Amino acid sequence: MPKKNTGIIIFLAIVLLFIAAGIAAYLISGDRGIEERFSQAVGLGGGAEEGGGGFLGFNIEGNVLLYAVILILLIIACAVLLKVFKI
């Protein structure tokens, strides 16, 4: 009797769903940060970048490479959890 791979199919479906959601969010928001998108709406002017800040010296907002790295790390973590707990 062949083993059913429903767990891996569900996992891949979730991965594809999150990839699609990430791409949609990037296309909707673009490469600008929230301050740049809404500064004129609240009357703050140009919304110039202050520099610095971010997480460990990195500004994740709008950086496509960091979005991809975080996505890959999440996929790897999910794959490891899938193998460890045999879902």
PDB file of N, CA and C in Angstrom:
ATOM      1  N   MET A   1       0.850  -1.182   0.000  1.00  0.00           N
ATOM      2  CA  MET A   1       0.000   0.000   0.000  1.00  0.00           C
ATOM      3  C   MET A   1       0.894   1.244   0.000  1.00  0.00           C
ATOM      4  N   PRO A   2       0.763   2.123  -0.985  1.00  0.00           N
ATOM      5  CA  PRO A   2       1.613   3.308  -1.048  1.00  0.00           C
ATOM      6  C   PRO A   2       1.287   4.296   0.076  1.00  0.00           C
ATOM      7  N   LYS A   3       2.356   4.921   0.555  1.00  0.00           N
ATOM      8  CA  LYS A   3       2.206   5.907   1.628  1.00  0.00           C
ATOM      9  C   LYS A   3       1.646   7.205   1.048  1.00  0.00           C
ATOM     10  N   LYS A   4       0.655   7.747   1.727  1.00  0.00           N
ATOM     11  CA  LYS A   4       0.063   9.005   1.282  1.00  0.00           C
ATOM     12  C   LYS A   4       0.959  10.165   1.698  1.00  0.00           C
ATOM     13  N   ASN A   5       1.139  11.096   0.812  1.00  0.00           N
ATOM     14  CA  ASN A   5       1.965  12.263   1.079  1.00  0.00           C
ATOM     15  C   ASN A   5       1.106  13.507   1.257  1.00  0.00           C
ATOM     16  N   THR A   6       0.029  13.374   1.971  1.00  0.00           N
ATOM     17  CA  THR A   6      -0.856  14.523   2.142  1.00  0.00           C
ATOM     18  C   THR A   6      -0.188  15.640   2.931  1.00  0.00           C
ATOM     19  N   GLY A   7       0.685  15.293   3.882  1.00  0.00           N
ATOM     20  CA  GLY A   7       1.364  16.312   4.668  1.00  0.00           C
ATOM     21  C   GLY A   7       2.238  17.196   3.816  1.00  0.00           C
ATOM     22  N   ILE A   8       3.017  16.598   2.919  1.00  0.00           N
ATOM     23  CA  ILE A   8       3.905  17.377   2.064  1.00  0.00           C
ATOM     24  C   ILE A   8       3.110  18.188   1.055  1.00  0.00           C
ATOM     25  N   ILE A   9       1.983  17.665   0.602  1.00  0.00           N
ATOM     26  CA  ILE A   9       1.137  18.407  -0.336  1.00  0.00           C
ATOM     27  C   ILE A   9       0.543  19.631   0.352  1.00  0.00           C
ATOM     28  N   ILE A  10       0.084  19.467   1.580  1.00  0.00           N
ATOM     29  CA  ILE A  10      -0.452  20.597   2.341  1.00  0.00           C
ATOM     30  C   ILE A  10       0.653  21.618   2.600  1.00  0.00           C
ATOM     31  N   PHE A  11       1.830  21.145   2.958  1.00  0.00           N
ATOM     32  CA  PHE A  11       2.965  22.037   3.205  1.00  0.00           C
ATOM     33  C   PHE A  11       3.300  22.855   1.961  1.00  0.00           C
ATOM     34  N   LEU A  12       3.385  22.206   0.814  1.00  0.00           N
ATOM     35  CA  LEU A  12       3.701  22.918  -0.421  1.00  0.00           C
ATOM     36  C   LEU A  12       2.600  23.902  -0.796  1.00  0.00           C
ATOM     37  N   ALA A  13       1.344  23.542  -0.533  1.00  0.00           N
ATOM     38  CA  ALA A  13       0.241  24.467  -0.797  1.00  0.00           C
ATOM     39  C   ALA A  13       0.350  25.707   0.079  1.00  0.00           C
ATOM     40  N   ILE A  14       0.717  25.517   1.347  1.00  0.00           N
ATOM     41  CA  ILE A  14       0.882  26.655   2.253  1.00  0.00           C
ATOM     42  C   ILE A  14       2.056  27.514   1.806  1.00  0.00           C
ATOM     43  N   VAL A  15       3.151  26.895   1.404  1.00  0.00           N
ATOM     44  CA  VAL A  15       4.309  27.642   0.920  1.00  0.00           C
ATOM     45  C   VAL A  15       3.932  28.481  -0.294  1.00  0.00           C
ATOM     46  N   LEU A  16       3.237  27.876  -1.246  1.00  0.00           N
ATOM     47  CA  LEU A  16       2.825  28.608  -2.440  1.00  0.00           C
ATOM     48  C   LEU A  16       1.870  29.745  -2.103  1.00  0.00           C
ATOM     49  N   LEU A  17       0.990  29.518  -1.143  1.00  0.00           N
ATOM     50  CA  LEU A  17       0.055  30.554  -0.710  1.00  0.00           C
ATOM     51  C   LEU A  17       0.799  31.744  -0.116  1.00  0.00           C
ATOM     52  N   PHE A  18       1.802  31.475   0.733  1.00  0.00           N
ATOM     53  CA  PHE A  18       2.558  32.561   1.348  1.00  0.00           C
ATOM     54  C   PHE A  18       3.447  33.280   0.325  1.00  0.00           C
ATOM     55  N   ILE A  19       3.981  32.553  -0.642  1.00  0.00           N
ATOM     56  CA  ILE A  19       4.754  33.205  -1.696  1.00  0.00           C
ATOM     57  C   ILE A  19       3.850  34.146  -2.489  1.00  0.00           C
ATOM     58  N   ALA A  20       2.660  33.677  -2.843  1.00  0.00           N
ATOM     59  CA  ALA A  20       1.714  34.515  -3.575  1.00  0.00           C
ATOM     60  C   ALA A  20       1.308  35.732  -2.748  1.00  0.00           C
ATOM     61  N   ALA A  21       1.071  35.542  -1.456  1.00  0.00           N
ATOM     62  CA  ALA A  21       0.697  36.662  -0.590  1.00  0.00           C
ATOM     63  C   ALA A  21       1.839  37.665  -0.476  1.00  0.00           C
ATOM     64  N   GLY A  22       3.067  37.183  -0.388  1.00  0.00           N
ATOM     65  CA  GLY A  22       4.223  38.071  -0.310  1.00  0.00           C
ATOM     66  C   GLY A  22       4.413  38.878  -1.578  1.00  0.00           C
ATOM     67  N   ILE A  23       4.258  38.233  -2.709  1.00  0.00           N
ATOM     68  CA  ILE A  23       4.387  38.936  -3.981  1.00  0.00           C
ATOM     69  C   ILE A  23       3.279  39.977  -4.120  1.00  0.00           C
ATOM     70  N   ALA A  24       2.055  39.598  -3.749  1.00  0.00           N
ATOM     71  CA  ALA A  24       0.943  40.549  -3.819  1.00  0.00           C
ATOM     72  C   ALA A  24       1.178  41.739  -2.900  1.00  0.00           C
ATOM     73  N   ALA A  25       1.666  41.497  -1.694  1.00  0.00           N
ATOM     74  CA  ALA A  25       1.922  42.594  -0.757  1.00  0.00           C
ATOM     75  C   ALA A  25       3.007  43.520  -1.295  1.00  0.00           C
ATOM     76  N   TYR A  26       4.029  42.960  -1.901  1.00  0.00           N
ATOM     77  CA  TYR A  26       5.091  43.798  -2.461  1.00  0.00           C
ATOM     78  C   TYR A  26       4.571  44.618  -3.640  1.00  0.00           C
ATOM     79  N   LEU A  27       3.771  43.993  -4.497  1.00  0.00           N
ATOM     80  CA  LEU A  27       3.236  44.726  -5.646  1.00  0.00           C
ATOM     81  C   LEU A  27       2.293  45.839  -5.209  1.00  0.00           C
ATOM     82  N   ILE A  28       1.548  45.610  -4.147  1.00  0.00           N
ATOM     83  CA  ILE A  28       0.617  46.625  -3.654  1.00  0.00           C
ATOM     84  C   ILE A  28       1.365  47.772  -2.986  1.00  0.00           C
ATOM     85  N   SER A  29       2.334  47.444  -2.128  1.00  0.00           N
ATOM     86  CA  SER A  29       3.009  48.483  -1.347  1.00  0.00           C
ATOM     87  C   SER A  29       4.214  49.083  -2.062  1.00  0.00           C
ATOM     88  N   GLY A  30       4.826  48.362  -2.977  1.00  0.00           N
ATOM     89  CA  GLY A  30       6.000  48.864  -3.679  1.00  0.00           C
ATOM     90  C   GLY A  30       7.229  48.837  -2.782  1.00  0.00           C
ATOM     91  N   ASP A  31       8.258  49.544  -3.213  1.00  0.00           N
ATOM     92  CA  ASP A  31       9.516  49.516  -2.470  1.00  0.00           C
ATOM     93  C   ASP A  31       9.643  50.689  -1.501  1.00  0.00           C
ATOM     94  N   ARG A  32       8.588  51.442  -1.337  1.00  0.00           N
ATOM     95  CA  ARG A  32       8.629  52.569  -0.393  1.00  0.00           C
ATOM     96  C   ARG A  32       8.109  52.126   0.963  1.00  0.00           C
ATOM     97  N   GLY A  33       8.625  52.756   1.996  1.00  0.00           N
ATOM     98  CA  GLY A  33       8.182  52.455   3.348  1.00  0.00           C
ATOM     99  C   GLY A  33       6.862  53.137   3.665  1.00  0.00           C
ATOM    100  N   ILE A  34       6.297  52.796   4.799  1.00  0.00           N
ATOM    101  CA  ILE A  34       5.006  53.347   5.180  1.00  0.00           C
ATOM    102  C   ILE A  34       5.089  54.859   5.380  1.00  0.00           C
ATOM    103  N   GLU A  35       6.234  55.329   5.878  1.00  0.00           N
ATOM    104  CA  GLU A  35       6.373  56.770   6.088  1.00  0.00           C
ATOM    105  C   GLU A  35       6.307  57.519   4.765  1.00  0.00           C
ATOM    106  N   GLU A  36       6.950  56.975   3.750  1.00  0.00           N
ATOM    107  CA  GLU A  36       6.954  57.630   2.442  1.00  0.00           C
ATOM    108  C   GLU A  36       5.600  57.558   1.765  1.00  0.00           C
ATOM    109  N   ARG A  37       4.863  56.473   1.983  1.00  0.00           N
ATOM    110  CA  ARG A  37       3.565  56.333   1.333  1.00  0.00           C
ATOM    111  C   ARG A  37       2.513  57.252   1.936  1.00  0.00           C
ATOM    112  N   PHE A  38       2.551  57.451   3.234  1.00  0.00           N
ATOM    113  CA  PHE A  38       1.464  58.162   3.884  1.00  0.00           C
ATOM    114  C   PHE A  38       1.854  59.511   4.482  1.00  0.00           C
ATOM    115  N   SER A  39       3.091  59.965   4.266  1.00  0.00           N
ATOM    116  CA  SER A  39       3.508  61.227   4.883  1.00  0.00           C
ATOM    117  C   SER A  39       2.705  62.411   4.353  1.00  0.00           C
ATOM    118  N   GLN A  40       2.423  62.436   3.069  1.00  0.00           N
ATOM    119  CA  GLN A  40       1.648  63.539   2.521  1.00  0.00           C
ATOM    120  C   GLN A  40       0.198  63.472   2.968  1.00  0.00           C
ATOM    121  N   ALA A  41      -0.318  62.277   3.188  1.00  0.00           N
ATOM    122  CA  ALA A  41      -1.710  62.139   3.613  1.00  0.00           C
ATOM    123  C   ALA A  41      -1.935  62.743   4.999  1.00  0.00           C
ATOM    124  N   VAL A  42      -0.924  62.718   5.847  1.00  0.00           N
ATOM    125  CA  VAL A  42      -1.063  63.277   7.192  1.00  0.00           C
ATOM    126  C   VAL A  42      -0.412  64.645   7.313  1.00  0.00           C
ATOM    127  N   GLY A  43       0.112  65.178   6.196  1.00  0.00           N
ATOM    128  CA  GLY A  43       0.655  66.521   6.186  1.00  0.00           C
ATOM    129  C   GLY A  43       2.055  66.660   6.749  1.00  0.00           C
ATOM    130  N   LEU A  44       2.879  65.644   6.618  1.00  0.00           N
ATOM    131  CA  LEU A  44       4.241  65.699   7.162  1.00  0.00           C
ATOM    132  C   LEU A  44       5.278  66.089   6.125  1.00  0.00           C
ATOM    133  N   GLY A  45       4.887  66.325   4.901  1.00  0.00           N
ATOM    134  CA  GLY A  45       5.846  66.732   3.881  1.00  0.00           C
ATOM    135  C   GLY A  45       6.421  65.553   3.129  1.00  0.00           C
ATOM    136  N   GLY A  46       7.731  65.633   2.868  1.00  0.00           N
ATOM    137  CA  GLY A  46       8.385  64.656   1.999  1.00  0.00           C
ATOM    138  C   GLY A  46       8.631  63.295   2.600  1.00  0.00           C
ATOM    139  N   GLY A  47       8.695  63.174   3.903  1.00  0.00           N
ATOM    140  CA  GLY A  47       8.962  61.877   4.516  1.00  0.00           C
ATOM    141  C   GLY A  47      10.368  61.403   4.270  1.00  0.00           C
ATOM    142  N   ALA A  48      11.353  62.285   4.449  1.00  0.00           N
ATOM    143  CA  ALA A  48      12.749  61.928   4.194  1.00  0.00           C
ATOM    144  C   ALA A  48      13.215  60.850   5.168  1.00  0.00           C
ATOM    145  N   GLU A  49      14.085  60.016   4.673  1.00  0.00           N
ATOM    146  CA  GLU A  49      14.632  58.923   5.479  1.00  0.00           C
ATOM    147  C   GLU A  49      15.612  59.483   6.503  1.00  0.00           C
ATOM    148  N   GLU A  50      15.511  59.027   7.738  1.00  0.00           N
ATOM    149  CA  GLU A  50      16.378  59.521   8.799  1.00  0.00           C
ATOM    150  C   GLU A  50      17.717  58.810   8.838  1.00  0.00           C
ATOM    151  N   GLY A  51      17.810  57.647   8.248  1.00  0.00           N
ATOM    152  CA  GLY A  51      19.044  56.872   8.297  1.00  0.00           C
ATOM    153  C   GLY A  51      19.109  56.066   9.582  1.00  0.00           C
ATOM    154  N   GLY A  52      19.957  55.062   9.593  1.00  0.00           N
ATOM    155  CA  GLY A  52      20.085  54.226  10.785  1.00  0.00           C
ATOM    156  C   GLY A  52      18.819  53.436  11.045  1.00  0.00           C
ATOM    157  N   GLY A  53      18.644  53.043  12.283  1.00  0.00           N
ATOM    158  CA  GLY A  53      17.446  52.302  12.659  1.00  0.00           C
ATOM    159  C   GLY A  53      17.435  50.913  12.077  1.00  0.00           C
ATOM    160  N   GLY A  54      16.268  50.350  11.983  1.00  0.00           N
ATOM    161  CA  GLY A  54      16.132  49.016  11.432  1.00  0.00           C
ATOM    162  C   GLY A  54      16.462  47.957  12.469  1.00  0.00           C
ATOM    163  N   PHE A  55      16.594  46.723  12.022  1.00  0.00           N
ATOM    164  CA  PHE A  55      16.864  45.586  12.885  1.00  0.00           C
ATOM    165  C   PHE A  55      18.304  45.161  12.681  1.00  0.00           C
ATOM    166  N   LEU A  56      19.130  45.271  13.702  1.00  0.00           N
ATOM    167  CA  LEU A  56      20.553  44.932  13.640  1.00  0.00           C
ATOM    168  C   LEU A  56      21.268  45.693  12.521  1.00  0.00           C
ATOM    169  N   GLY A  57      20.868  46.945  12.316  1.00  0.00           N
ATOM    170  CA  GLY A  57      21.500  47.761  11.298  1.00  0.00           C
ATOM    171  C   GLY A  57      20.931  47.598   9.908  1.00  0.00           C
ATOM    172  N   PHE A  58      19.942  46.725   9.728  1.00  0.00           N
ATOM    173  CA  PHE A  58      19.335  46.509   8.421  1.00  0.00           C
ATOM    174  C   PHE A  58      17.950  47.139   8.396  1.00  0.00           C
ATOM    175  N   ASN A  59      17.642  47.795   7.300  1.00  0.00           N
ATOM    176  CA  ASN A  59      16.310  48.328   7.102  1.00  0.00           C
ATOM    177  C   ASN A  59      15.582  47.383   6.159  1.00  0.00           C
ATOM    178  N   ILE A  60      14.709  46.560   6.700  1.00  0.00           N
ATOM    179  CA  ILE A  60      14.046  45.516   5.921  1.00  0.00           C
ATOM    180  C   ILE A  60      13.005  46.102   4.981  1.00  0.00           C
ATOM    181  N   GLU A  61      12.389  47.177   5.376  1.00  0.00           N
ATOM    182  CA  GLU A  61      11.285  47.749   4.621  1.00  0.00           C
ATOM    183  C   GLU A  61      11.725  48.156   3.224  1.00  0.00           C
ATOM    184  N   GLY A  62      11.145  47.526   2.203  1.00  0.00           N
ATOM    185  CA  GLY A  62      11.439  47.877   0.827  1.00  0.00           C
ATOM    186  C   GLY A  62      12.657  47.193   0.233  1.00  0.00           C
ATOM    187  N   ASN A  63      13.396  46.380   0.995  1.00  0.00           N
ATOM    188  CA  ASN A  63      14.587  45.714   0.494  1.00  0.00           C
ATOM    189  C   ASN A  63      14.207  44.323  -0.013  1.00  0.00           C
ATOM    190  N   VAL A  64      14.176  44.165  -1.323  1.00  0.00           N
ATOM    191  CA  VAL A  64      13.717  42.919  -1.937  1.00  0.00           C
ATOM    192  C   VAL A  64      14.602  41.740  -1.540  1.00  0.00           C
ATOM    193  N   LEU A  65      15.904  41.944  -1.459  1.00  0.00           N
ATOM    194  CA  LEU A  65      16.826  40.867  -1.113  1.00  0.00           C
ATOM    195  C   LEU A  65      16.534  40.333   0.290  1.00  0.00           C
ATOM    196  N   LEU A  66      16.297  41.223   1.241  1.00  0.00           N
ATOM    197  CA  LEU A  66      15.996  40.762   2.596  1.00  0.00           C
ATOM    198  C   LEU A  66      14.642  40.069   2.668  1.00  0.00           C
ATOM    199  N   TYR A  67      13.665  40.535   1.875  1.00  0.00           N
ATOM    200  CA  TYR A  67      12.381  39.824   1.812  1.00  0.00           C
ATOM    201  C   TYR A  67      12.609  38.385   1.351  1.00  0.00           C
ATOM    202  N   ALA A  68      13.429  38.212   0.318  1.00  0.00           N
ATOM    203  CA  ALA A  68      13.694  36.877  -0.221  1.00  0.00           C
ATOM    204  C   ALA A  68      14.437  36.013   0.788  1.00  0.00           C
ATOM    205  N   VAL A  69      15.421  36.579   1.480  1.00  0.00           N
ATOM    206  CA  VAL A  69      16.180  35.817   2.477  1.00  0.00           C
ATOM    207  C   VAL A  69      15.270  35.357   3.606  1.00  0.00           C
ATOM    208  N   ILE A  70      14.424  36.245   4.093  1.00  0.00           N
ATOM    209  CA  ILE A  70      13.501  35.878   5.176  1.00  0.00           C
ATOM    210  C   ILE A  70      12.532  34.807   4.703  1.00  0.00           C
ATOM    211  N   LEU A  71      12.030  34.931   3.476  1.00  0.00           N
ATOM    212  CA  LEU A  71      11.121  33.917   2.937  1.00  0.00           C
ATOM    213  C   LEU A  71      11.807  32.557   2.838  1.00  0.00           C
ATOM    214  N   ILE A  72      13.036  32.533   2.357  1.00  0.00           N
ATOM    215  CA  ILE A  72      13.780  31.267   2.239  1.00  0.00           C
ATOM    216  C   ILE A  72      14.028  30.657   3.619  1.00  0.00           C
ATOM    217  N   LEU A  73      14.395  31.486   4.592  1.00  0.00           N
ATOM    218  CA  LEU A  73      14.607  30.975   5.958  1.00  0.00           C
ATOM    219  C   LEU A  73      13.332  30.392   6.549  1.00  0.00           C
ATOM    220  N   LEU A  74      12.204  31.035   6.299  1.00  0.00           N
ATOM    221  CA  LEU A  74      10.932  30.508   6.793  1.00  0.00           C
ATOM    222  C   LEU A  74      10.580  29.182   6.122  1.00  0.00           C
ATOM    223  N   ILE A  75      10.844  29.074   4.833  1.00  0.00           N
ATOM    224  CA  ILE A  75      10.575  27.824   4.120  1.00  0.00           C
ATOM    225  C   ILE A  75      11.457  26.704   4.663  1.00  0.00           C
ATOM    226  N   ILE A  76      12.733  26.998   4.894  1.00  0.00           N
ATOM    227  CA  ILE A  76      13.643  25.992   5.448  1.00  0.00           C
ATOM    228  C   ILE A  76      13.194  25.573   6.840  1.00  0.00           C
ATOM    229  N   ALA A  77      12.811  26.541   7.676  1.00  0.00           N
ATOM    230  CA  ALA A  77      12.346  26.217   9.028  1.00  0.00           C
ATOM    231  C   ALA A  77      11.099  25.344   8.988  1.00  0.00           C
ATOM    232  N   CYS A  78      10.188  25.642   8.093  1.00  0.00           N
ATOM    233  CA  CYS A  78       8.982  24.816   7.966  1.00  0.00           C
ATOM    234  C   CYS A  78       9.325  23.412   7.483  1.00  0.00           C
ATOM    235  N   ALA A  79      10.255  23.299   6.549  1.00  0.00           N
ATOM    236  CA  ALA A  79      10.649  21.983   6.049  1.00  0.00           C
ATOM    237  C   ALA A  79      11.303  21.152   7.151  1.00  0.00           C
ATOM    238  N   VAL A  80      12.134  21.791   7.969  1.00  0.00           N
ATOM    239  CA  VAL A  80      12.773  21.076   9.082  1.00  0.00           C
ATOM    240  C   VAL A  80      11.723  20.614  10.086  1.00  0.00           C
ATOM    241  N   LEU A  81      10.784  21.493  10.419  1.00  0.00           N
ATOM    242  CA  LEU A  81       9.711  21.109  11.352  1.00  0.00           C
ATOM    243  C   LEU A  81       8.868  19.986  10.769  1.00  0.00           C
ATOM    244  N   LEU A  82       8.644  20.019   9.479  1.00  0.00           N
ATOM    245  CA  LEU A  82       7.872  18.957   8.827  1.00  0.00           C
ATOM    246  C   LEU A  82       8.588  17.615   8.948  1.00  0.00           C
ATOM    247  N   LYS A  83       9.897  17.609   8.737  1.00  0.00           N
ATOM    248  CA  LYS A  83      10.668  16.375   8.849  1.00  0.00           C
ATOM    249  C   LYS A  83      10.767  15.898  10.295  1.00  0.00           C
ATOM    250  N   VAL A  84      10.969  16.808  11.243  1.00  0.00           N
ATOM    251  CA  VAL A  84      11.146  16.425  12.638  1.00  0.00           C
ATOM    252  C   VAL A  84       9.865  15.850  13.229  1.00  0.00           C
ATOM    253  N   PHE A  85       8.743  16.536  12.987  1.00  0.00           N
ATOM    254  CA  PHE A  85       7.497  16.102  13.596  1.00  0.00           C
ATOM    255  C   PHE A  85       6.673  15.205  12.699  1.00  0.00           C
ATOM    256  N   LYS A  86       7.146  14.943  11.496  1.00  0.00           N
ATOM    257  CA  LYS A  86       6.515  14.009  10.546  1.00  0.00           C
ATOM    258  C   LYS A  86       5.034  14.305  10.375  1.00  0.00           C
ATOM    259  N   ILE A  87       4.749  15.557  10.063  1.00  0.00           N
ATOM    260  CA  ILE A  87       3.346  15.973   9.875  1.00  0.00           C
ATOM    261  C   ILE A  87       2.856  15.457   8.546  1.00  0.00           C
TER     262      ILE A  87
END
